[in-house]
Amino acid sequence: MSKRVEWEKKKSEIEKKSPPRMDRFTTLSDMEVPLLCTQEDLNSIGFNEDRDLGLPGEFPFTRGVQHNMYRGKLWTMRQFAGFASPDETNKRFKLLLEQGQTGLSTAFDMPTLMGYDCDSPKSLGEVGKCGVSVSSLEDMERLFAGIPLGEVTTSMTINGPAIVVLAMYYAMAEKQGVPNSKVRGTLQNDILKEYIAQKEWLFPIAPAVKCVIDTIEYGTKHYPNWNTVSISGYHIREAGATAVQELAFTLADGLAYVEESVKRGMDIDEFAPRLSFFFDVHNDFFEEIAKFRAARRIWARKMKDKYGAKNPKSWMLRTHAQTAGVSLTAQQPVNNVVRVAVQAMAGVLGGVNSLHTNSMDETLALPTDESVLIALRTQQIIAEESGVANFADPLGGSYLVEFLTDKVEKEALAYIDKIDEMGGW
């Protein structure tokens, strides 16, 4: 009798006296999980260490896109901020930078996201409500007043009018005397995600996608250190998708942009290195870690094997992540600090390149200075005091983590195949 069989027998006897708490044990996404994973389980899925795991910074990047991971450079700590007027948001930006934030992330209000000026009748009651109001280049200049654009990276969460906001940002950089090559940041600019989840689009799908590809093409030629699209699963997850669905739909969107760019006549190795991603980090610790690892592996293989990319940077899935807003509760909001810490740790152990941690009071209102600093300090404590940043993929090789990574990968690929069968985007 093998040790595993003997163990199973003893477990069954114990469970007669003390039955399991539930009939089924699943991840948050209702993926059934085993009590125990061993080498036998990895053998059963055909796990191959060289092929499926590899080394950090090497294809297929399951273990992360950097060879020395956070020993060389910590993830970018990028707290989302934007409310009321450009001047008020500018104060929040400066507070966060003074407290150790390493990148800016801009939230725009609904009129700006929908392409309306703040004095439009359709903007009534929404100006500055869920983000900062920007109607003109002057507003953008006030928003970033006193912030050297050549020294800070900026992420801008805007989609329909993204090309306009990007033009404003580079106009500001030109006024500051910062050359295009020194300007760094990310434009969300993911219109397919808008049709799926967030619902803030301005025109029909085909011309909207054309605008995204126009931006990728122009950025590839003129903005060498700018990510012209951030392919976003966050909003898909917040709208109710499972972890597997979030992963599948996000990568399918990314592959659609790749295909359209290639059809435009662009060389994949010229534009693919500047594509970036944005995922949710939810409560289910190991499922989230597996999701990030599977995402990198799927993307690397698709870029190399399906699209023939030769540049290793084209194979790398670089991702920002944000803790799950939908998991926060208005009741007992201090408990959200704990949720966010667990989610942030999952993101770090999953190898994200950039991270936003939600503030405990965001279900009630825009976060206060105190709560946003607690959220930032959560990242800093993980980085400086937990010890996890000393290791590259510290959970790599774990029977459970490798088993889950494989399971998430296979289920996500099944969705992607189904999308392709239905005709793609």
Protein backbone atom coordinates (compact mmCIF):
# COMPACT_ATOMS: atom_id res chain seq x y z
CA MET A 1 0.00 0.00 0.00
CA SER A 2 1.46 3.41 -1.00
CA LYS A 3 1.79 6.17 1.58
CA ARG A 4 -0.83 8.24 -0.27
CA VAL A 5 -3.39 5.40 -0.22
CA GLU A 6 -2.68 4.75 3.45
CA TRP A 7 -3.07 8.45 4.22
CA GLU A 8 -6.38 8.60 2.31
CA LYS A 9 -7.67 5.66 4.34
CA LYS A 10 -6.77 7.33 7.66
CA LYS A 11 -8.32 10.57 6.49
CA SER A 12 -11.60 8.80 5.66
CA GLU A 13 -11.71 7.27 9.12
CA ILE A 14 -11.11 10.64 10.76
CA GLU A 15 -13.79 12.31 8.61
CA LYS A 16 -16.39 9.82 9.88
CA LYS A 17 -15.90 11.26 13.36
CA SER A 18 -15.18 14.84 12.29
CA PRO A 19 -16.77 15.47 8.87
CA PRO A 20 -15.53 18.31 6.62
CA ARG A 21 -17.08 21.72 7.21
CA MET A 22 -18.54 21.77 3.66
CA ASP A 23 -19.50 19.30 0.95
CA ARG A 24 -17.26 21.05 -1.59
CA PHE A 25 -14.13 23.15 -1.12
CA THR A 26 -13.62 25.62 -3.92
CA THR A 27 -11.77 28.79 -4.82
CA LEU A 28 -13.68 32.06 -4.86
CA SER A 29 -14.36 31.35 -8.56
CA ASP A 30 -15.97 27.98 -7.68
CA MET A 31 -13.00 25.98 -8.91
CA GLU A 32 -12.95 22.75 -6.88
CA VAL A 33 -9.64 22.23 -5.11
CA PRO A 34 -8.03 19.18 -3.53
CA LEU A 35 -7.11 18.97 0.14
CA LEU A 36 -3.59 17.90 -0.74
CA CYS A 37 -1.34 18.18 -3.78
CA THR A 38 1.74 15.99 -4.22
CA GLN A 39 4.18 15.08 -6.96
CA GLU A 40 1.62 12.52 -8.11
CA ASP A 41 -0.82 15.32 -8.93
CA LEU A 42 1.81 17.17 -10.97
CA ASN A 43 2.63 13.95 -12.80
CA SER A 44 -1.07 13.48 -13.60
CA ILE A 45 -1.21 16.86 -15.40
CA GLY A 46 2.05 16.28 -17.26
CA PHE A 47 3.90 19.05 -15.46
CA ASN A 48 7.38 19.59 -16.86
CA GLU A 49 9.64 21.84 -14.80
CA ASP A 50 11.81 23.03 -17.69
CA ARG A 51 8.88 23.64 -20.03
CA ASP A 52 6.25 24.97 -17.63
CA LEU A 53 8.21 26.60 -14.82
CA GLY A 54 11.60 27.68 -16.10
CA LEU A 55 13.58 30.42 -14.36
CA PRO A 56 12.76 34.05 -13.49
CA GLY A 57 13.28 36.39 -16.42
CA GLU A 58 13.29 33.48 -18.87
CA PHE A 59 10.63 32.06 -21.19
CA PRO A 60 7.82 31.26 -20.41
CA PHE A 61 8.11 33.77 -17.53
CA THR A 62 5.93 31.75 -15.14
CA ARG A 63 8.31 32.84 -12.37
CA GLY A 64 8.32 36.53 -13.31
CA VAL A 65 9.67 38.80 -16.02
CA GLN A 66 12.80 40.00 -14.19
CA HIS A 67 15.82 37.79 -13.52
CA ASN A 68 16.34 39.16 -10.01
CA MET A 69 12.72 40.24 -9.48
CA TYR A 70 12.27 42.62 -6.53
CA ARG A 71 15.90 42.46 -5.43
CA GLY A 72 16.73 44.67 -8.39
CA LYS A 73 13.62 46.86 -8.44
CA LEU A 74 10.55 46.76 -6.24
CA TRP A 75 7.17 46.86 -7.89
CA THR A 76 5.96 50.40 -8.61
CA MET A 77 3.71 51.61 -5.78
CA ARG A 78 1.04 53.48 -7.71
CA GLN A 79 -1.95 54.70 -5.67
CA PHE A 80 -5.00 55.70 -7.74
CA ALA A 81 -5.95 59.33 -7.10
CA GLY A 82 -8.28 61.89 -8.60
CA PHE A 83 -11.12 64.01 -7.24
CA ALA A 84 -12.76 67.42 -7.58
CA SER A 85 -10.51 70.02 -9.17
CA PRO A 86 -7.05 69.60 -10.71
CA ASP A 87 -5.61 71.68 -7.86
CA GLU A 88 -7.00 69.39 -5.15
CA THR A 89 -5.80 66.26 -6.92
CA ASN A 90 -2.38 67.86 -7.39
CA LYS A 91 -2.14 68.20 -3.59
CA ARG A 92 -2.95 64.48 -3.18
CA PHE A 93 -0.33 63.57 -5.81
CA LYS A 94 2.32 65.54 -3.95
CA LEU A 95 1.33 64.04 -0.58
CA LEU A 96 1.68 60.52 -1.95
CA LEU A 97 5.02 61.25 -3.62
CA GLU A 98 6.33 62.79 -0.39
CA GLN A 99 5.29 59.62 1.48
CA GLY A 100 7.17 57.26 -0.82
CA GLN A 101 4.78 56.48 -3.69
CA THR A 102 6.84 55.71 -6.79
CA GLY A 103 4.30 56.32 -9.58
CA LEU A 104 1.19 58.40 -10.18
CA SER A 105 -2.16 56.95 -11.21
CA THR A 106 -4.87 59.35 -12.37
CA ALA A 107 -8.61 58.86 -11.96
CA PHE A 108 -10.80 61.07 -14.15
CA ASP A 109 -14.41 62.02 -13.50
CA MET A 110 -17.32 60.72 -15.58
CA PRO A 111 -17.65 63.75 -17.91
CA THR A 112 -13.95 63.51 -18.77
CA LEU A 113 -14.22 59.75 -19.32
CA MET A 114 -17.17 60.36 -21.67
CA GLY A 115 -15.47 63.20 -23.55
CA TYR A 116 -17.58 66.08 -22.18
CA ASP A 117 -16.36 69.45 -20.94
CA CYS A 118 -17.26 70.24 -17.35
CA ASP A 119 -19.69 72.99 -18.45
CA SER A 120 -21.72 70.68 -20.69
CA PRO A 121 -25.36 70.23 -19.55
CA LYS A 122 -24.70 66.47 -19.67
CA SER A 123 -21.97 66.88 -17.02
CA LEU A 124 -24.35 68.30 -14.42
CA GLY A 125 -23.93 66.63 -11.04
CA GLU A 126 -20.94 64.52 -12.08
CA VAL A 127 -18.05 67.03 -12.26
CA GLY A 128 -15.18 65.94 -10.00
CA LYS A 129 -17.29 63.24 -8.42
CA CYS A 130 -15.50 59.96 -9.18
CA GLY A 131 -12.24 61.47 -10.37
CA VAL A 132 -10.59 64.71 -11.40
CA SER A 133 -12.25 67.03 -13.90
CA VAL A 134 -10.12 67.79 -16.97
CA SER A 135 -11.57 69.79 -19.87
CA SER A 136 -8.51 71.54 -21.26
CA LEU A 137 -4.73 71.61 -21.47
CA GLU A 138 -4.79 74.26 -18.72
CA ASP A 139 -6.58 71.78 -16.43
CA MET A 140 -3.88 69.18 -17.13
CA GLU A 141 -1.15 71.71 -16.39
CA ARG A 142 -2.77 72.52 -13.03
CA LEU A 143 -3.15 68.81 -12.31
CA PHE A 144 0.59 68.18 -12.74
CA ALA A 145 1.91 71.56 -11.57
CA GLY A 146 5.29 71.22 -9.86
CA ILE A 147 5.63 67.54 -10.82
CA PRO A 148 8.63 66.86 -13.11
CA LEU A 149 7.26 64.63 -15.86
CA GLY A 150 10.72 63.32 -16.75
CA GLU A 151 11.20 61.86 -13.26
CA VAL A 152 7.85 60.22 -12.47
CA THR A 153 5.80 57.57 -14.27
CA THR A 154 2.11 58.33 -14.71
CA SER A 155 -0.78 56.00 -15.40
CA MET A 156 -3.98 57.51 -16.78
CA THR A 157 -7.21 55.53 -16.51
CA ILE A 158 -9.12 56.78 -19.52
CA ASN A 159 -10.36 55.03 -22.65
CA GLY A 160 -12.74 56.73 -25.11
CA PRO A 161 -10.93 60.11 -25.20
CA ALA A 162 -7.54 58.56 -24.35
CA ILE A 163 -5.73 59.96 -27.37
CA VAL A 164 -6.73 63.52 -26.40
CA VAL A 165 -5.48 63.17 -22.82
CA LEU A 166 -2.23 61.59 -24.07
CA ALA A 167 -1.68 64.54 -26.42
CA MET A 168 -2.21 66.91 -23.48
CA TYR A 169 0.32 65.03 -21.37
CA TYR A 170 3.03 65.20 -24.00
CA ALA A 171 2.25 68.87 -24.63
CA MET A 172 2.92 69.48 -20.91
CA ALA A 173 6.18 67.54 -21.13
CA GLU A 174 7.23 69.65 -24.11
CA LYS A 175 6.53 72.82 -22.12
CA GLN A 176 8.69 71.43 -19.29
CA GLY A 177 11.47 70.77 -21.79
CA VAL A 178 11.28 67.00 -21.28
CA PRO A 179 12.09 65.03 -24.46
CA ASN A 180 9.66 62.30 -25.55
CA SER A 181 12.27 59.65 -24.79
CA LYS A 182 12.23 60.61 -21.09
CA VAL A 183 8.45 60.58 -20.64
CA ARG A 184 7.26 57.33 -19.04
CA GLY A 185 3.83 56.03 -18.19
CA THR A 186 0.75 54.12 -19.25
CA LEU A 187 -2.50 54.99 -20.99
CA GLN A 188 -5.35 52.59 -20.32
CA ASN A 189 -6.90 53.02 -23.77
CA ASP A 190 -8.55 49.56 -23.69
CA ILE A 191 -11.85 50.08 -25.47
CA LEU A 192 -12.78 46.39 -25.81
CA LYS A 193 -12.89 46.15 -22.02
CA GLU A 194 -15.33 49.07 -22.02
CA TYR A 195 -17.82 47.15 -24.15
CA ILE A 196 -17.40 44.09 -21.93
CA ALA A 197 -17.57 45.66 -18.49
CA GLN A 198 -17.15 49.35 -17.74
CA LYS A 199 -19.50 50.66 -20.46
CA GLU A 200 -17.82 54.04 -21.07
CA TRP A 201 -17.46 54.15 -24.84
CA LEU A 202 -17.95 57.02 -27.27
CA PHE A 203 -18.45 55.41 -30.66
CA PRO A 204 -19.04 52.03 -32.34
CA ILE A 205 -16.58 49.20 -31.85
CA ALA A 206 -14.71 49.26 -35.17
CA PRO A 207 -13.72 52.97 -35.17
CA ALA A 208 -13.01 52.77 -31.43
CA VAL A 209 -10.57 49.89 -31.94
CA LYS A 210 -9.02 51.82 -34.85
CA CYS A 211 -8.27 54.67 -32.41
CA VAL A 212 -6.49 52.21 -30.11
CA ILE A 213 -4.38 50.85 -32.97
CA ASP A 214 -3.65 54.41 -34.17
CA THR A 215 -2.31 55.18 -30.69
CA ILE A 216 -0.19 52.01 -30.59
CA GLU A 217 1.25 52.83 -34.01
CA TYR A 218 2.03 56.47 -33.21
CA GLY A 219 3.39 55.64 -29.78
CA THR A 220 5.67 52.95 -31.20
CA LYS A 221 7.25 55.56 -33.50
CA HIS A 222 7.37 58.59 -31.21
CA TYR A 223 6.87 57.57 -27.53
CA PRO A 224 9.50 54.88 -26.87
CA ASN A 225 8.91 54.61 -23.09
CA TRP A 226 5.14 54.94 -22.99
CA ASN A 227 2.68 52.03 -22.75
CA THR A 228 -0.03 53.14 -25.19
CA VAL A 229 -2.54 50.53 -24.03
CA SER A 230 -3.09 48.81 -20.69
CA ILE A 231 -5.18 45.73 -21.42
CA SER A 232 -7.47 45.60 -18.43
CA GLY A 233 -9.11 42.69 -16.67
CA TYR A 234 -9.74 44.62 -13.47
CA HIS A 235 -13.11 46.01 -14.55
CA ILE A 236 -14.15 42.66 -16.02
CA ARG A 237 -13.53 41.01 -12.65
CA GLU A 238 -15.27 43.79 -10.73
CA ALA A 239 -18.29 43.32 -13.01
CA GLY A 240 -18.65 39.70 -11.87
CA ALA A 241 -16.21 37.55 -13.84
CA THR A 242 -14.35 34.68 -12.21
CA ALA A 243 -10.56 34.69 -12.05
CA VAL A 244 -10.41 32.40 -15.10
CA GLN A 245 -12.87 34.54 -17.07
CA GLU A 246 -10.98 37.70 -16.14
CA LEU A 247 -7.76 36.15 -17.40
CA ALA A 248 -9.28 34.72 -20.58
CA PHE A 249 -11.23 37.80 -21.67
CA THR A 250 -8.29 40.11 -20.90
CA LEU A 251 -5.79 38.08 -22.89
CA ALA A 252 -8.31 37.70 -25.73
CA ASP A 253 -8.59 41.50 -25.86
CA GLY A 254 -4.81 41.79 -25.92
CA LEU A 255 -4.52 39.26 -28.72
CA ALA A 256 -7.16 41.20 -30.69
CA TYR A 257 -5.04 44.36 -30.47
CA VAL A 258 -1.98 42.38 -31.54
CA GLU A 259 -3.79 40.99 -34.58
CA GLU A 260 -5.13 44.40 -35.62
CA SER A 261 -1.68 45.97 -35.24
CA VAL A 262 -0.11 43.24 -37.36
CA LYS A 263 -2.83 43.74 -40.00
CA ARG A 264 -1.88 47.43 -40.01
CA GLY A 265 1.57 46.31 -41.16
CA MET A 266 3.39 46.81 -37.87
CA ASP A 267 6.25 44.51 -36.84
CA ILE A 268 5.20 42.64 -33.70
CA ASP A 269 8.61 43.11 -32.10
CA GLU A 270 8.32 46.87 -32.50
CA PHE A 271 5.05 47.33 -30.61
CA ALA A 272 4.54 44.25 -28.38
CA PRO A 273 7.21 45.19 -25.79
CA ARG A 274 5.17 48.30 -24.90
CA LEU A 275 1.88 46.49 -24.32
CA SER A 276 0.94 46.30 -20.64
CA PHE A 277 -1.79 44.68 -18.56
CA PHE A 278 -3.95 45.45 -15.53
CA PHE A 279 -5.51 42.76 -13.33
CA ASP A 280 -7.61 42.54 -10.18
CA VAL A 281 -6.27 40.89 -7.01
CA HIS A 282 -9.17 39.29 -5.15
CA ASN A 283 -9.47 37.49 -1.81
CA ASP A 284 -8.62 33.91 -2.83
CA PHE A 285 -4.90 33.96 -2.10
CA PHE A 286 -3.60 30.97 -4.07
CA GLU A 287 -6.03 31.35 -6.98
CA GLU A 288 -4.80 34.90 -7.54
CA ILE A 289 -1.14 33.88 -7.42
CA ALA A 290 -1.86 31.11 -9.93
CA LYS A 291 -3.71 33.58 -12.18
CA PHE A 292 -0.72 35.90 -12.53
CA ARG A 293 1.65 33.02 -13.20
CA ALA A 294 -0.69 31.48 -15.79
CA ALA A 295 -1.16 34.88 -17.47
CA ARG A 296 2.55 35.29 -18.10
CA ARG A 297 2.89 31.75 -19.42
CA ILE A 298 -0.07 31.98 -21.81
CA TRP A 299 1.02 35.36 -23.17
CA ALA A 300 4.63 34.27 -23.69
CA ARG A 301 3.61 31.17 -25.61
CA LYS A 302 1.05 33.01 -27.74
CA MET A 303 3.52 35.76 -28.65
CA LYS A 304 6.31 33.35 -29.50
CA ASP A 305 4.50 30.38 -30.98
CA LYS A 306 1.41 31.90 -32.61
CA TYR A 307 2.67 35.34 -33.69
CA GLY A 308 6.34 34.55 -34.19
CA ALA A 309 7.75 37.31 -31.99
CA LYS A 310 11.55 37.08 -31.76
CA ASN A 311 12.31 39.73 -29.12
CA PRO A 312 12.08 38.26 -25.57
CA LYS A 313 10.54 41.56 -24.43
CA SER A 314 7.60 40.84 -26.74
CA TRP A 315 6.96 37.62 -24.81
CA MET A 316 6.81 39.34 -21.41
CA LEU A 317 3.46 40.11 -19.83
CA ARG A 318 4.08 43.15 -17.61
CA THR A 319 1.19 43.93 -15.32
CA HIS A 320 -0.18 46.46 -12.92
CA ALA A 321 -2.63 45.14 -10.33
CA GLN A 322 -5.18 46.65 -7.98
CA THR A 323 -6.74 45.08 -4.94
CA ALA A 324 -10.42 44.19 -5.33
CA GLY A 325 -12.70 47.17 -4.78
CA VAL A 326 -15.75 44.90 -4.94
CA SER A 327 -14.48 42.96 -1.91
CA LEU A 328 -14.54 46.02 0.37
CA THR A 329 -17.41 46.51 2.80
CA ALA A 330 -18.97 49.75 3.98
CA GLN A 331 -19.76 48.03 7.28
CA GLN A 332 -16.75 47.68 9.61
CA PRO A 333 -14.46 49.40 7.09
CA VAL A 334 -11.33 48.82 9.19
CA ASN A 335 -11.61 45.14 8.22
CA ASN A 336 -10.82 46.26 4.68
CA VAL A 337 -7.25 46.97 5.78
CA VAL A 338 -6.80 43.24 6.40
CA ARG A 339 -8.45 42.26 3.11
CA VAL A 340 -6.22 44.63 1.18
CA ALA A 341 -3.08 43.35 2.91
CA VAL A 342 -3.92 39.74 1.96
CA GLN A 343 -4.69 40.75 -1.62
CA ALA A 344 -1.53 42.85 -1.92
CA MET A 345 0.60 39.97 -0.68
CA ALA A 346 -0.98 37.71 -3.30
CA GLY A 347 -0.12 40.25 -5.98
CA VAL A 348 3.49 40.45 -4.83
CA LEU A 349 3.87 36.66 -4.58
CA GLY A 350 2.27 36.51 -8.03
CA GLY A 351 5.03 38.73 -9.41
CA VAL A 352 3.19 41.93 -10.40
CA ASN A 353 5.24 44.87 -11.69
CA SER A 354 3.05 47.61 -10.25
CA LEU A 355 0.43 47.68 -7.51
CA HIS A 356 -2.36 49.86 -6.13
CA THR A 357 -3.79 49.07 -2.70
CA ASN A 358 -7.34 50.25 -2.02
CA SER A 359 -8.10 52.46 0.94
CA MET A 360 -10.38 51.14 3.67
CA ASP A 361 -13.04 53.86 3.22
CA GLU A 362 -13.39 53.79 -0.57
CA THR A 363 -16.83 52.17 -0.32
CA LEU A 364 -18.03 55.29 1.53
CA ALA A 365 -16.30 58.16 -0.27
CA LEU A 366 -13.06 59.27 -1.82
CA PRO A 367 -10.31 58.15 0.55
CA THR A 368 -9.08 60.45 3.28
CA ASP A 369 -5.39 61.34 3.59
CA GLU A 370 -5.09 59.00 6.58
CA SER A 371 -6.66 55.98 4.87
CA VAL A 372 -4.72 56.40 1.63
CA LEU A 373 -1.48 56.51 3.62
CA ILE A 374 -2.44 53.27 5.42
CA ALA A 375 -2.97 51.70 1.99
CA LEU A 376 0.45 52.92 0.81
CA ARG A 377 2.11 51.81 4.06
CA THR A 378 0.64 48.32 3.48
CA GLN A 379 2.74 48.02 0.34
CA GLN A 380 5.82 49.49 2.00
CA ILE A 381 5.60 47.07 4.94
CA ILE A 382 5.28 44.11 2.58
CA ALA A 383 8.27 45.40 0.61
CA GLU A 384 10.55 46.28 3.51
CA GLU A 385 9.52 44.14 6.48
CA SER A 386 7.97 40.85 5.33
CA GLY A 387 11.03 39.45 3.56
CA VAL A 388 9.02 38.26 0.53
CA ALA A 389 10.75 40.71 -1.80
CA ASN A 390 14.06 38.89 -1.23
CA PHE A 391 12.99 35.91 -3.34
CA ALA A 392 12.03 35.39 -6.96
CA ASP A 393 8.76 33.44 -7.15
CA PRO A 394 9.03 32.02 -3.61
CA LEU A 395 6.02 29.73 -4.13
CA GLY A 396 7.31 28.32 -7.41
CA GLY A 397 7.56 24.54 -7.24
CA SER A 398 4.80 24.30 -4.64
CA TYR A 399 2.66 21.32 -5.60
CA LEU A 400 -0.52 23.31 -4.98
CA VAL A 401 0.59 26.48 -6.77
CA GLU A 402 1.83 24.60 -9.84
CA PHE A 403 -1.36 22.48 -9.90
CA LEU A 404 -3.57 25.59 -9.70
CA THR A 405 -1.48 27.50 -12.26
CA ASP A 406 -1.92 24.64 -14.73
CA LYS A 407 -5.67 24.42 -14.01
CA VAL A 408 -6.22 28.18 -14.44
CA GLU A 409 -4.17 28.16 -17.64
CA LYS A 410 -6.11 25.29 -19.23
CA GLU A 411 -9.52 26.74 -18.33
CA ALA A 412 -8.55 30.20 -19.61
CA LEU A 413 -7.25 28.76 -22.89
CA ALA A 414 -10.56 26.93 -23.34
CA TYR A 415 -12.37 30.29 -23.13
CA ILE A 416 -9.93 31.90 -25.58
CA ASP A 417 -10.45 29.05 -28.05
CA LYS A 418 -14.23 29.48 -27.74
CA ILE A 419 -13.94 33.22 -28.40
CA ASP A 420 -11.87 32.49 -31.51
CA GLU A 421 -14.49 29.97 -32.70
CA MET A 422 -17.18 32.64 -32.29
CA GLY A 423 -15.24 35.04 -34.49
CA GLY A 424 -13.06 37.00 -32.05
CA TRP A 425 -13.75 40.64 -31.28
